[in-house]
N, C-alpha and C. Protein backbone atom coordinates (compact mmCIF):
# COMPACT_ATOMS: atom_id res chain seq x y z
N MET A 1 15.55 8.94 -46.43
CA MET A 1 15.02 8.28 -45.72
C MET A 1 15.14 7.23 -44.87
N LYS A 2 16.11 6.42 -45.60
CA LYS A 2 16.24 4.86 -44.70
C LYS A 2 16.48 5.15 -43.69
N ILE A 3 17.01 5.74 -42.93
CA ILE A 3 17.68 6.66 -41.23
C ILE A 3 16.38 7.38 -41.08
N LYS A 4 15.45 7.54 -41.23
CA LYS A 4 14.07 8.34 -40.51
C LYS A 4 13.28 7.53 -40.10
N LEU A 5 12.91 6.21 -41.02
CA LEU A 5 12.08 5.26 -40.63
C LEU A 5 13.38 4.38 -39.94
N ILE A 6 14.58 4.01 -39.24
CA ILE A 6 15.40 3.44 -38.56
C ILE A 6 15.04 4.12 -37.17
N VAL A 7 15.61 5.26 -37.49
CA VAL A 7 15.53 6.09 -36.43
C VAL A 7 13.40 5.67 -35.54
N ILE A 8 12.82 5.66 -36.51
CA ILE A 8 11.16 5.74 -36.18
C ILE A 8 10.77 4.76 -35.04
N LEU A 9 11.67 3.54 -35.76
CA LEU A 9 11.35 2.32 -35.26
C LEU A 9 12.23 1.67 -34.28
N ILE A 10 13.26 2.68 -34.04
CA ILE A 10 14.34 2.29 -32.85
C ILE A 10 13.11 3.11 -31.27
N VAL A 11 13.07 4.57 -31.83
CA VAL A 11 11.83 5.26 -30.79
C VAL A 11 10.91 4.38 -30.52
N LEU A 12 9.75 3.44 -31.55
CA LEU A 12 8.94 2.63 -30.76
C LEU A 12 9.49 1.02 -30.34
N VAL A 13 10.05 0.84 -30.57
CA VAL A 13 10.15 -0.48 -29.68
C VAL A 13 11.04 0.43 -28.46
N PHE A 14 11.63 1.23 -28.28
CA PHE A 14 11.90 1.53 -26.86
C PHE A 14 11.15 2.06 -25.94
N THR A 15 10.12 2.59 -27.16
CA THR A 15 9.02 3.40 -25.93
C THR A 15 8.16 2.27 -25.34
N GLY A 16 7.71 1.64 -26.78
CA GLY A 16 6.95 -0.14 -26.59
C GLY A 16 7.00 -0.95 -25.36
N CYS A 17 8.50 -0.53 -24.64
CA CYS A 17 9.32 -1.92 -23.82
C CYS A 17 8.84 -0.86 -22.50
N TYR A 18 8.60 0.23 -22.64
CA TYR A 18 8.43 1.34 -20.97
C TYR A 18 7.51 0.58 -20.80
N GLN A 19 7.79 0.89 -19.17
CA GLN A 19 6.56 -0.09 -18.47
C GLN A 19 6.26 0.85 -17.93
N THR A 20 4.95 1.02 -17.38
CA THR A 20 4.10 2.17 -16.14
C THR A 20 3.38 1.08 -15.11
N THR A 21 3.77 1.03 -14.20
CA THR A 21 2.81 0.59 -12.92
C THR A 21 2.10 1.57 -12.40
N LEU A 22 0.96 0.55 -12.07
CA LEU A 22 -0.27 1.83 -11.69
C LEU A 22 -0.13 1.85 -10.21
N TYR A 23 0.80 0.78 -9.49
CA TYR A 23 1.05 1.24 -7.80
C TYR A 23 2.27 1.47 -7.77
N TYR A 24 3.14 1.33 -6.05
CA TYR A 24 4.38 1.32 -5.75
C TYR A 24 4.16 0.61 -4.72
N TRP A 25 4.88 -0.67 -5.27
CA TRP A 25 4.86 -1.59 -3.76
C TRP A 25 5.95 -1.46 -3.39
N GLY A 26 7.36 -0.51 -3.25
CA GLY A 26 8.40 -1.26 -2.45
C GLY A 26 8.80 -2.15 -2.33
N ASN A 27 9.20 -2.82 -1.61
CA ASN A 27 9.47 -3.99 -0.99
C ASN A 27 8.68 -4.80 -0.33
N TYR A 28 7.22 -4.64 -0.42
CA TYR A 28 6.58 -5.17 0.18
C TYR A 28 6.06 -6.42 0.55
N SER A 29 6.71 -7.37 -0.46
CA SER A 29 6.59 -8.51 -0.82
C SER A 29 7.74 -9.18 -0.15
N ASN A 30 8.96 -8.80 0.15
CA ASN A 30 9.67 -9.01 1.03
C ASN A 30 10.57 -8.84 2.01
N SER A 31 8.81 -7.78 2.92
CA SER A 31 9.11 -7.27 3.87
C SER A 31 7.90 -8.47 4.78
N LEU A 32 6.61 -8.43 3.97
CA LEU A 32 6.23 -9.46 4.55
C LEU A 32 6.18 -10.66 4.45
N TYR A 33 7.07 -11.11 3.56
CA TYR A 33 7.98 -12.35 4.06
C TYR A 33 8.95 -13.01 5.03
N ASN A 34 9.74 -12.24 5.16
CA ASN A 34 10.47 -11.60 6.36
C ASN A 34 9.80 -12.09 7.98
N TYR A 35 8.05 -11.22 7.66
CA TYR A 35 7.88 -11.30 9.35
C TYR A 35 7.30 -12.59 9.08
N LYS A 36 6.63 -13.15 8.50
CA LYS A 36 5.39 -14.17 8.60
C LYS A 36 6.48 -15.51 8.41
N LYS A 37 8.16 -15.56 8.09
CA LYS A 37 8.82 -16.42 7.97
C LYS A 37 9.67 -16.46 9.80
N LEU A 38 9.45 -15.65 10.16
CA LEU A 38 9.67 -15.34 11.86
C LEU A 38 9.20 -14.17 12.17
N GLU A 39 7.95 -14.47 12.58
CA GLU A 39 7.32 -13.59 13.30
C GLU A 39 7.72 -13.04 14.56
N THR A 40 8.62 -12.21 14.70
CA THR A 40 8.91 -10.91 15.78
C THR A 40 8.64 -9.96 16.01
N GLU A 41 8.38 -9.01 17.18
CA GLU A 41 8.17 -7.58 17.46
C GLU A 41 9.81 -6.79 16.27
N GLY A 42 10.75 -6.77 15.82
CA GLY A 42 11.26 -7.12 15.25
C GLY A 42 11.11 -7.03 13.71
N ASN A 43 10.11 -8.07 13.15
CA ASN A 43 10.72 -7.81 12.30
C ASN A 43 8.89 -7.94 11.43
N LEU A 44 7.98 -7.12 13.14
CA LEU A 44 6.88 -6.65 12.60
C LEU A 44 6.96 -5.38 11.91
N ASN A 45 7.82 -4.47 13.08
CA ASN A 45 8.02 -3.38 13.19
C ASN A 45 8.80 -2.87 11.83
N LYS A 46 9.23 -3.75 11.31
CA LYS A 46 9.92 -3.22 10.23
C LYS A 46 8.56 -3.63 9.14
N HIS A 47 8.03 -4.14 8.92
CA HIS A 47 7.04 -4.33 8.37
C HIS A 47 6.17 -3.43 7.81
N ILE A 48 5.75 -2.73 9.01
CA ILE A 48 4.82 -1.39 9.43
C ILE A 48 6.10 -0.25 9.02
N LYS A 49 7.45 -0.28 8.99
CA LYS A 49 7.63 0.62 8.59
C LYS A 49 7.91 0.41 6.97
N SER A 50 8.30 -0.69 6.25
CA SER A 50 8.16 -0.81 4.93
C SER A 50 6.54 -0.35 3.93
N ILE A 51 5.07 -0.16 4.75
CA ILE A 51 4.28 0.22 5.02
C ILE A 51 4.13 1.46 4.70
N GLU A 52 4.01 1.86 6.27
CA GLU A 52 4.58 3.85 6.22
C GLU A 52 5.37 4.03 4.72
N LYS A 53 6.38 3.41 4.55
CA LYS A 53 7.61 3.94 2.91
C LYS A 53 6.31 3.94 2.08
N ILE A 54 5.62 2.58 1.42
CA ILE A 54 4.43 2.27 0.44
C ILE A 54 4.09 3.61 0.33
N ILE A 55 3.01 3.93 1.62
CA ILE A 55 2.22 4.82 1.50
C ILE A 55 3.47 6.33 1.10
N LYS A 56 3.78 6.74 1.43
CA LYS A 56 4.95 7.87 1.73
C LYS A 56 4.97 8.29 -0.03
N GLN A 57 5.80 7.12 -0.49
CA GLN A 57 6.67 6.64 -1.83
C GLN A 57 5.43 7.21 -2.79
N SER A 58 4.18 5.83 -2.57
CA SER A 58 2.85 6.45 -3.75
C SER A 58 2.51 7.90 -3.63
N ASP A 59 2.68 8.22 -2.65
CA ASP A 59 2.08 9.54 -2.79
C ASP A 59 3.00 10.57 -3.87
N TYR A 60 4.48 10.64 -3.34
CA TYR A 60 5.75 11.47 -4.03
C TYR A 60 5.46 10.81 -5.44
N LEU A 61 5.61 9.82 -5.60
CA LEU A 61 5.39 9.27 -6.75
C LEU A 61 4.82 9.30 -7.63
N LYS A 62 3.22 10.02 -7.52
CA LYS A 62 2.01 10.67 -8.26
C LYS A 62 1.46 8.72 -8.55
N LYS A 63 1.23 7.72 -7.70
CA LYS A 63 0.31 6.60 -7.56
C LYS A 63 -0.49 5.68 -6.43
N LYS A 64 -1.05 5.23 -7.53
CA LYS A 64 -2.04 5.28 -6.12
C LYS A 64 -2.00 4.03 -5.25
N VAL A 65 -1.96 4.24 -4.20
CA VAL A 65 -1.54 3.07 -2.75
C VAL A 65 -1.89 2.00 -3.28
N PRO A 66 -1.47 0.90 -3.19
CA PRO A 66 -1.20 -0.70 -3.86
C PRO A 66 -3.24 -1.16 -3.00
N PRO A 67 -3.76 -2.21 -3.27
CA PRO A 67 -5.05 -2.45 -2.82
C PRO A 67 -4.07 -3.19 -1.60
N GLY A 68 -5.02 -2.93 -0.18
CA GLY A 68 -4.84 -3.73 1.10
C GLY A 68 -3.76 -3.02 1.97
N ILE A 69 -3.10 -2.03 1.45
CA ILE A 69 -2.33 -1.03 2.11
C ILE A 69 -2.84 -0.97 3.73
N TYR A 70 -3.49 0.35 2.63
CA TYR A 70 -4.28 1.60 4.10
C TYR A 70 -4.73 0.36 4.89
N CYS A 71 -5.83 -0.89 4.28
CA CYS A 71 -6.68 -1.88 5.72
C CYS A 71 -5.24 -2.26 6.34
N GLU A 72 -4.55 -2.81 5.41
CA GLU A 72 -3.20 -3.48 6.82
C GLU A 72 -2.62 -2.55 7.44
N TYR A 73 -2.51 -1.54 7.33
CA TYR A 73 -1.40 -0.39 8.41
C TYR A 73 -2.69 -0.17 9.06
N GLY A 74 -4.30 -0.41 8.84
CA GLY A 74 -5.41 0.26 9.94
C GLY A 74 -5.48 -0.78 10.92
N TYR A 75 -5.34 -1.98 10.39
CA TYR A 75 -5.24 -3.19 11.04
C TYR A 75 -4.11 -3.23 12.26
N TYR A 76 -2.72 -2.76 11.69
CA TYR A 76 -1.85 -2.81 12.46
C TYR A 76 -1.90 -1.43 13.65
N SER A 77 -2.11 -0.48 13.37
CA SER A 77 -2.36 0.99 13.89
C SER A 77 -3.82 0.22 15.36
N MET A 78 -4.78 -0.83 15.21
CA MET A 78 -5.35 -1.21 15.64
C MET A 78 -5.32 -2.22 17.35
N GLN A 79 -4.41 -2.63 16.35
CA GLN A 79 -3.38 -3.76 17.16
C GLN A 79 -3.14 -3.59 18.31
N GLU A 80 -2.43 -1.92 17.77
CA GLU A 80 -1.81 -0.93 19.08
C GLU A 80 -2.50 -0.61 19.71
N GLY A 81 -3.66 -0.21 19.32
CA GLY A 81 -4.57 0.43 20.56
C GLY A 81 -4.92 2.14 20.19
N ASN A 82 -4.26 2.67 18.49
CA ASN A 82 -4.75 3.74 17.79
C ASN A 82 -5.82 3.66 16.51
N TYR A 83 -6.88 3.57 17.51
CA TYR A 83 -8.14 3.07 17.11
C TYR A 83 -8.95 4.70 15.65
N SER A 84 -8.39 5.41 15.96
CA SER A 84 -8.52 7.01 15.25
C SER A 84 -7.56 6.49 14.23
N GLU A 85 -6.50 6.45 14.45
CA GLU A 85 -5.91 6.38 12.76
C GLU A 85 -6.53 5.20 12.56
N ALA A 86 -6.41 3.98 13.13
CA ALA A 86 -7.16 2.85 12.19
C ALA A 86 -8.09 3.03 11.61
N LYS A 87 -9.19 3.89 12.44
CA LYS A 87 -10.31 3.80 10.82
C LYS A 87 -10.00 5.01 9.87
N LYS A 88 -9.26 6.15 10.16
CA LYS A 88 -8.73 7.06 9.11
C LYS A 88 -8.32 5.71 8.04
N TYR A 89 -7.18 5.46 7.97
CA TYR A 89 -6.50 4.05 7.61
C TYR A 89 -7.92 3.19 6.87
N PHE A 90 -8.68 2.53 7.06
CA PHE A 90 -10.01 1.66 6.79
C PHE A 90 -10.87 3.15 6.25
N ASP A 91 -11.34 4.12 5.89
CA ASP A 91 -12.03 5.05 5.48
C ASP A 91 -11.02 5.16 4.49
N LEU A 92 -9.59 5.47 4.24
CA LEU A 92 -9.08 5.36 2.80
C LEU A 92 -9.00 4.06 1.96
N GLU A 93 -8.75 3.42 2.82
CA GLU A 93 -8.85 1.89 1.52
C GLU A 93 -10.13 1.73 0.56
N ILE A 94 -11.36 2.10 1.93
CA ILE A 94 -13.06 2.29 1.44
C ILE A 94 -13.09 3.14 0.17
N LYS A 95 -12.72 4.22 0.11
CA LYS A 95 -12.22 4.96 -0.24
C LYS A 95 -11.62 5.06 -1.72
N LEU A 96 -10.83 4.27 -1.97
CA LEU A 96 -9.87 4.28 -2.42
C LEU A 96 -10.34 2.96 -3.38
N TYR A 97 -10.78 2.03 -2.73
CA TYR A 97 -11.23 0.72 -3.50
C TYR A 97 -12.60 0.53 -2.76
N PRO A 98 -13.78 0.68 -3.36
CA PRO A 98 -14.74 0.81 -2.96
C PRO A 98 -15.46 -0.94 -3.07
N GLU A 99 -14.93 -1.72 -3.45
CA GLU A 99 -15.38 -2.45 -2.97
C GLU A 99 -14.31 -3.68 -2.46
N SER A 100 -14.06 -3.33 -1.80
CA SER A 100 -13.37 -3.62 0.01
C SER A 100 -13.93 -3.37 0.70
N GLU A 101 -15.49 -2.33 0.97
CA GLU A 101 -16.00 -1.89 1.87
C GLU A 101 -16.65 -3.24 2.07
N LYS A 102 -16.93 -4.34 1.55
CA LYS A 102 -17.68 -5.54 2.88
C LYS A 102 -16.70 -5.93 3.87
N PHE A 103 -15.35 -6.22 3.54
CA PHE A 103 -14.78 -6.36 4.82
C PHE A 103 -14.07 -5.76 5.46
N VAL A 104 -13.52 -4.83 4.93
CA VAL A 104 -13.38 -3.42 5.91
C VAL A 104 -14.66 -3.16 6.92
N THR A 105 -15.41 -3.16 6.90
CA THR A 105 -16.63 -2.58 7.84
C THR A 105 -16.41 -3.23 8.54
N VAL A 106 -15.97 -5.27 8.88
CA VAL A 106 -16.18 -5.32 9.59
C VAL A 106 -14.76 -5.87 10.57
N LEU A 107 -13.39 -5.44 9.80
CA LEU A 107 -12.88 -4.38 10.42
C LEU A 107 -13.04 -3.18 11.49
N VAL A 108 -13.50 -2.63 10.94
CA VAL A 108 -14.04 -1.32 12.21
C VAL A 108 -14.82 -1.16 12.72
N GLN A 109 -16.22 -2.44 12.63
CA GLN A 109 -16.98 -3.09 13.59
C GLN A 109 -16.40 -3.83 15.00
N ARG A 110 -15.04 -4.01 14.81
CA ARG A 110 -14.22 -4.23 15.85
C ARG A 110 -13.48 -3.33 17.20
N ILE A 111 -13.98 -2.18 16.19
CA ILE A 111 -13.21 -0.86 16.96
C ILE A 111 -14.04 -0.99 18.16
N PRO A 112 -13.60 -0.49 19.15
CA PRO A 112 -14.44 -0.05 20.45
C PRO A 112 -15.32 1.53 20.25
N GLU A 113 -16.38 1.40 20.92
CA GLU A 113 -17.04 1.96 20.92
C GLU A 113 -15.69 3.62 21.57
N LYS A 114 -15.56 3.29 23.26
CA LYS A 114 -14.31 4.21 23.75
C LYS A 114 -12.77 3.82 23.51
N LYS A 115 -12.65 5.08 22.69
CA LYS A 115 -11.27 5.39 21.67
C LYS A 115 -10.16 5.59 22.28
N GLU A 116 -8.98 4.82 22.46
CA GLU A 116 -7.92 5.67 23.14
C GLU A 116 -7.70 6.20 24.50
N ASN A 117 -7.97 5.66 25.00
CA ASN A 117 -7.56 6.29 26.50
C ASN A 117 -8.40 7.52 26.56
N GLU A 118 -9.78 7.47 26.04
CA GLU A 118 -10.19 8.58 26.68
C GLU A 118 -11.40 8.48 27.49
């Protein structure tokens, strides 16, 4: 009987310590820090790649994309002139986080009427 109790306590202790996270952040903090520390084209591209990986890994791990990630990726797409992709990611941000709609709407309004070399 004591062995059963000890096993149950051990199982409870270890399952209580197991952490689950709602989001997959990947290497976002380090990537953003490195970019802001030295704002070069190379560091920006590394940061964008890090964001792309977060989006893909979140889907693979069945976790929500963290707040602001779609929006940031959309912003970088807009900066590159890829307006349809920017709009797509802005819409994804609003769909996943409706509370961001006012902020994202300001960014969407910056997208020119004539889109991408049309």
